[in-house]
Amino acid sequence: MDSAEAQARVAIAAALIVRGAVEVPALPSLGRPVPDAAGVRLRELTDYLYRLITLPEPGSGEARAEVEMLERSSTR
């Protein structure tokens, strides 16, 4: 992940939190991961929106395949 992608993902995650689309996830303490459903949901939505925003040109075979994959992963 390059710095532009990381910055875009941070902006997406922040927007989801500020708009109330997801709960604020718990922060890990002492370097230990915290099992947190809100954190998992935030990561899934951020990934989904990033992929959706960065789709190839509409109408291309690659774009259709990506949309189908996103739809399958979002119905889990």
Protein backbone atom coordinates (compact mmCIF):
# COMPACT_ATOMS: atom_id res chain seq x y z
CA MET A 1 0.00 0.00 0.00
CA ASP A 2 1.49 3.32 -1.02
CA SER A 3 1.03 6.57 0.90
CA ALA A 4 -1.74 7.85 -1.41
CA GLU A 5 -3.77 4.67 -0.87
CA ALA A 6 -3.21 4.80 2.89
CA GLN A 7 -4.29 8.44 2.99
CA ALA A 8 -7.43 7.68 0.97
CA ARG A 9 -8.34 4.77 3.26
CA VAL A 10 -7.85 6.93 6.36
CA ALA A 11 -10.12 9.62 4.89
CA ILE A 12 -12.80 7.03 4.05
CA ALA A 13 -12.63 5.50 7.54
CA ALA A 14 -12.81 8.92 9.18
CA ALA A 15 -15.82 9.88 7.08
CA LEU A 16 -17.62 6.64 8.02
CA ILE A 17 -17.01 7.30 11.72
CA VAL A 18 -17.93 11.00 11.62
CA ARG A 19 -21.16 10.33 9.70
CA GLY A 20 -22.14 7.62 12.21
CA ALA A 21 -22.12 4.82 9.64
CA VAL A 22 -20.07 2.68 12.03
CA GLU A 23 -19.25 2.69 15.72
CA VAL A 24 -15.89 3.98 16.88
CA PRO A 25 -13.71 0.88 17.23
CA ALA A 26 -11.84 0.09 20.43
CA LEU A 27 -8.13 0.89 20.43
CA PRO A 28 -5.65 -1.84 21.31
CA SER A 29 -3.78 -1.40 24.56
CA LEU A 30 -0.22 -2.47 25.30
CA GLY A 31 0.19 -3.72 21.73
CA ARG A 32 -2.43 -6.42 22.14
CA PRO A 33 -5.14 -6.69 19.48
CA VAL A 34 -8.69 -6.19 20.72
CA PRO A 35 -11.41 -8.41 19.24
CA ASP A 36 -13.77 -5.69 18.10
CA ALA A 37 -16.73 -6.15 15.75
CA ALA A 38 -16.84 -2.38 15.13
CA GLY A 39 -13.21 -2.41 13.99
CA VAL A 40 -13.83 -5.33 11.65
CA ARG A 41 -16.92 -3.62 10.20
CA LEU A 42 -15.00 -0.37 9.70
CA ARG A 43 -12.21 -2.21 7.89
CA GLU A 44 -14.68 -4.08 5.65
CA LEU A 45 -16.59 -0.92 4.71
CA THR A 46 -13.39 1.04 4.13
CA ASP A 47 -12.01 -1.70 1.85
CA TYR A 48 -15.32 -1.95 -0.02
CA LEU A 49 -15.57 1.80 -0.61
CA TYR A 50 -11.92 2.13 -1.61
CA ARG A 51 -12.26 -0.66 -4.19
CA LEU A 52 -15.51 0.85 -5.45
CA ILE A 53 -13.94 4.30 -5.86
CA THR A 54 -10.88 2.93 -7.63
CA LEU A 55 -12.72 0.68 -10.09
CA PRO A 56 -11.47 0.58 -13.67
CA GLU A 57 -13.39 2.33 -16.46
CA PRO A 58 -17.13 1.47 -16.42
CA GLY A 59 -18.12 -1.06 -19.05
CA SER A 60 -14.79 -2.84 -19.18
CA GLY A 61 -14.70 -6.55 -18.46
CA GLU A 62 -12.36 -5.89 -15.56
CA ALA A 63 -14.85 -3.44 -14.03
CA ARG A 64 -17.75 -5.90 -14.30
CA ALA A 65 -15.68 -8.65 -12.67
CA GLU A 66 -14.67 -6.30 -9.84
CA VAL A 67 -18.29 -5.23 -9.21
CA GLU A 68 -19.42 -8.86 -9.11
CA MET A 69 -16.66 -9.69 -6.62
CA LEU A 70 -17.60 -6.70 -4.44
CA GLU A 71 -21.26 -7.67 -4.48
CA ARG A 72 -20.45 -11.24 -3.46
CA SER A 73 -18.17 -10.09 -0.61
CA SER A 74 -20.67 -7.54 0.73
CA THR A 75 -23.47 -10.10 1.09
CA ARG A 76 -21.54 -12.17 3.64
